[in-house]
Amino acid sequence: MFDTTSNGGDMGDSDKIENKADELKGKAKEKVGEATDNEQWQAEGKGEQVKANLKQAAEKVKDAFRG
């Protein structure tokens, strides 16, 4: 999962954008679940947010090592 693009940071930036989009998608799913009283969607939304947050944390660690 290292940056293998020839121009440097594009892969990391696109991963960050994708992770943030996943987080927002999870938030939206959770809110729809709350609005419709759908516990499964609420749980899935929370799970997607946790997964996205973990990916974002991993990106920050990679950035720290890249300097």
N, C-alpha and C. Protein backbone atom coordinates (compact mmCIF):
# COMPACT_ATOMS: atom_id res chain seq x y z
N MET A 1 0.81 -1.17 0.00
CA MET A 1 0.00 0.00 0.00
C MET A 1 0.86 1.25 0.00
N PHE A 2 2.03 1.14 -0.57
CA PHE A 2 2.92 2.28 -0.68
C PHE A 2 2.65 3.01 -1.97
N ASP A 3 3.02 4.26 -2.00
CA ASP A 3 2.84 5.09 -3.18
C ASP A 3 3.77 4.61 -4.29
N THR A 4 3.19 4.09 -5.35
CA THR A 4 3.99 3.59 -6.45
C THR A 4 3.84 4.44 -7.71
N THR A 5 3.18 5.59 -7.58
CA THR A 5 3.02 6.45 -8.75
C THR A 5 4.34 7.16 -9.04
N SER A 6 4.55 7.48 -10.28
CA SER A 6 5.82 8.11 -10.67
C SER A 6 5.92 9.56 -10.25
N ASN A 7 4.78 10.20 -9.99
CA ASN A 7 4.82 11.63 -9.68
C ASN A 7 4.69 11.92 -8.19
N GLY A 8 4.81 10.95 -7.35
CA GLY A 8 4.88 11.21 -5.92
C GLY A 8 3.59 11.05 -5.17
N GLY A 9 2.91 12.13 -4.81
CA GLY A 9 1.85 12.09 -3.83
C GLY A 9 0.45 11.82 -4.33
N ASP A 10 0.24 11.62 -5.61
CA ASP A 10 -1.13 11.45 -6.10
C ASP A 10 -1.85 10.28 -5.46
N MET A 11 -1.18 9.15 -5.28
CA MET A 11 -1.83 7.98 -4.72
C MET A 11 -2.28 8.26 -3.28
N GLY A 12 -1.44 8.89 -2.49
CA GLY A 12 -1.81 9.21 -1.11
C GLY A 12 -2.97 10.17 -1.05
N ASP A 13 -2.96 11.17 -1.91
CA ASP A 13 -4.05 12.14 -1.92
C ASP A 13 -5.37 11.49 -2.33
N SER A 14 -5.34 10.62 -3.32
CA SER A 14 -6.58 9.97 -3.75
C SER A 14 -7.09 9.02 -2.67
N ASP A 15 -6.17 8.37 -1.94
CA ASP A 15 -6.59 7.52 -0.83
C ASP A 15 -7.27 8.34 0.26
N LYS A 16 -6.70 9.51 0.55
CA LYS A 16 -7.28 10.37 1.58
C LYS A 16 -8.68 10.83 1.19
N ILE A 17 -8.84 11.18 -0.07
CA ILE A 17 -10.15 11.61 -0.55
C ILE A 17 -11.15 10.47 -0.49
N GLU A 18 -10.71 9.30 -0.91
CA GLU A 18 -11.60 8.12 -0.88
C GLU A 18 -11.99 7.78 0.56
N ASN A 19 -11.04 7.85 1.48
CA ASN A 19 -11.33 7.55 2.88
C ASN A 19 -12.33 8.54 3.47
N LYS A 20 -12.16 9.82 3.14
CA LYS A 20 -13.08 10.83 3.64
C LYS A 20 -14.47 10.62 3.03
N ALA A 21 -14.53 10.26 1.76
CA ALA A 21 -15.81 9.98 1.11
C ALA A 21 -16.50 8.79 1.78
N ASP A 22 -15.71 7.76 2.12
CA ASP A 22 -16.28 6.60 2.81
C ASP A 22 -16.83 6.99 4.18
N GLU A 23 -16.11 7.88 4.87
CA GLU A 23 -16.57 8.33 6.18
C GLU A 23 -17.91 9.07 6.04
N LEU A 24 -17.99 9.96 5.05
CA LEU A 24 -19.22 10.72 4.84
C LEU A 24 -20.37 9.83 4.41
N LYS A 25 -20.06 8.82 3.61
CA LYS A 25 -21.08 7.86 3.20
C LYS A 25 -21.62 7.11 4.42
N GLY A 26 -20.72 6.74 5.31
CA GLY A 26 -21.13 6.05 6.54
C GLY A 26 -22.00 6.94 7.41
N LYS A 27 -21.64 8.21 7.52
CA LYS A 27 -22.45 9.15 8.30
C LYS A 27 -23.85 9.28 7.71
N ALA A 28 -23.90 9.37 6.38
CA ALA A 28 -25.20 9.51 5.71
C ALA A 28 -26.05 8.26 5.93
N LYS A 29 -25.42 7.10 5.82
CA LYS A 29 -26.16 5.85 6.01
C LYS A 29 -26.68 5.75 7.44
N GLU A 30 -25.84 6.16 8.39
CA GLU A 30 -26.27 6.14 9.79
C GLU A 30 -27.47 7.06 10.00
N LYS A 31 -27.41 8.27 9.43
CA LYS A 31 -28.51 9.23 9.59
C LYS A 31 -29.80 8.74 8.94
N VAL A 32 -29.69 8.12 7.76
CA VAL A 32 -30.88 7.56 7.12
C VAL A 32 -31.45 6.44 7.99
N GLY A 33 -30.56 5.64 8.56
CA GLY A 33 -31.01 4.58 9.46
C GLY A 33 -31.73 5.14 10.67
N GLU A 34 -31.22 6.24 11.22
CA GLU A 34 -31.89 6.88 12.36
C GLU A 34 -33.25 7.43 11.95
N ALA A 35 -33.31 8.05 10.78
CA ALA A 35 -34.56 8.67 10.32
C ALA A 35 -35.63 7.62 10.01
N THR A 36 -35.20 6.45 9.55
CA THR A 36 -36.15 5.40 9.18
C THR A 36 -36.26 4.32 10.25
N ASP A 37 -35.59 4.53 11.38
CA ASP A 37 -35.57 3.56 12.48
C ASP A 37 -35.06 2.19 12.02
N ASN A 38 -34.06 2.23 11.15
CA ASN A 38 -33.46 1.01 10.62
C ASN A 38 -32.13 0.77 11.34
N GLU A 39 -32.16 -0.14 12.32
CA GLU A 39 -30.97 -0.38 13.14
C GLU A 39 -29.82 -0.97 12.33
N GLN A 40 -30.13 -1.76 11.31
CA GLN A 40 -29.07 -2.35 10.49
C GLN A 40 -28.29 -1.26 9.76
N TRP A 41 -28.99 -0.29 9.17
CA TRP A 41 -28.31 0.79 8.47
C TRP A 41 -27.52 1.66 9.44
N GLN A 42 -28.07 1.86 10.64
CA GLN A 42 -27.34 2.63 11.65
C GLN A 42 -26.01 1.95 11.97
N ALA A 43 -26.07 0.65 12.19
CA ALA A 43 -24.86 -0.11 12.53
C ALA A 43 -23.88 -0.14 11.36
N GLU A 44 -24.39 -0.35 10.15
CA GLU A 44 -23.51 -0.37 8.97
C GLU A 44 -22.85 0.99 8.79
N GLY A 45 -23.61 2.05 8.98
CA GLY A 45 -23.06 3.40 8.85
C GLY A 45 -21.95 3.66 9.85
N LYS A 46 -22.18 3.26 11.09
CA LYS A 46 -21.15 3.43 12.12
C LYS A 46 -19.92 2.60 11.78
N GLY A 47 -20.13 1.39 11.29
CA GLY A 47 -19.01 0.52 10.91
C GLY A 47 -18.20 1.11 9.78
N GLU A 48 -18.87 1.67 8.79
CA GLU A 48 -18.17 2.29 7.67
C GLU A 48 -17.35 3.50 8.14
N GLN A 49 -17.89 4.25 9.10
CA GLN A 49 -17.15 5.39 9.63
C GLN A 49 -15.90 4.94 10.37
N VAL A 50 -16.02 3.89 11.16
CA VAL A 50 -14.86 3.37 11.90
C VAL A 50 -13.79 2.89 10.93
N LYS A 51 -14.22 2.17 9.92
CA LYS A 51 -13.27 1.65 8.92
C LYS A 51 -12.56 2.81 8.22
N ALA A 52 -13.30 3.83 7.83
CA ALA A 52 -12.70 4.99 7.16
C ALA A 52 -11.75 5.72 8.10
N ASN A 53 -12.13 5.86 9.36
CA ASN A 53 -11.26 6.55 10.32
C ASN A 53 -9.96 5.79 10.54
N LEU A 54 -10.03 4.46 10.56
CA LEU A 54 -8.81 3.66 10.69
C LEU A 54 -7.91 3.83 9.48
N LYS A 55 -8.51 3.88 8.30
CA LYS A 55 -7.72 4.10 7.09
C LYS A 55 -7.07 5.47 7.11
N GLN A 56 -7.81 6.47 7.59
CA GLN A 56 -7.25 7.82 7.67
C GLN A 56 -6.09 7.86 8.65
N ALA A 57 -6.21 7.14 9.75
CA ALA A 57 -5.12 7.09 10.73
C ALA A 57 -3.89 6.43 10.12
N ALA A 58 -4.10 5.38 9.34
CA ALA A 58 -2.98 4.71 8.68
C ALA A 58 -2.31 5.64 7.69
N GLU A 59 -3.08 6.45 6.98
CA GLU A 59 -2.50 7.42 6.05
C GLU A 59 -1.65 8.43 6.79
N LYS A 60 -2.10 8.86 7.96
CA LYS A 60 -1.33 9.82 8.74
C LYS A 60 0.00 9.21 9.20
N VAL A 61 -0.03 7.95 9.56
CA VAL A 61 1.21 7.27 9.96
C VAL A 61 2.15 7.19 8.77
N LYS A 62 1.63 6.81 7.61
CA LYS A 62 2.47 6.75 6.41
C LYS A 62 3.07 8.12 6.08
N ASP A 63 2.25 9.16 6.22
CA ASP A 63 2.74 10.52 5.95
C ASP A 63 3.86 10.89 6.92
N ALA A 64 3.74 10.47 8.16
CA ALA A 64 4.75 10.79 9.16
C ALA A 64 6.09 10.14 8.79
N PHE A 65 6.05 8.93 8.24
CA PHE A 65 7.27 8.26 7.85
C PHE A 65 7.86 8.81 6.56
N ARG A 66 7.00 9.34 5.71
CA ARG A 66 7.47 9.94 4.45
C ARG A 66 8.18 11.26 4.72
N GLY A 67 7.76 11.93 5.80
CA GLY A 67 8.40 13.19 6.17
C GLY A 67 7.94 14.29 5.35
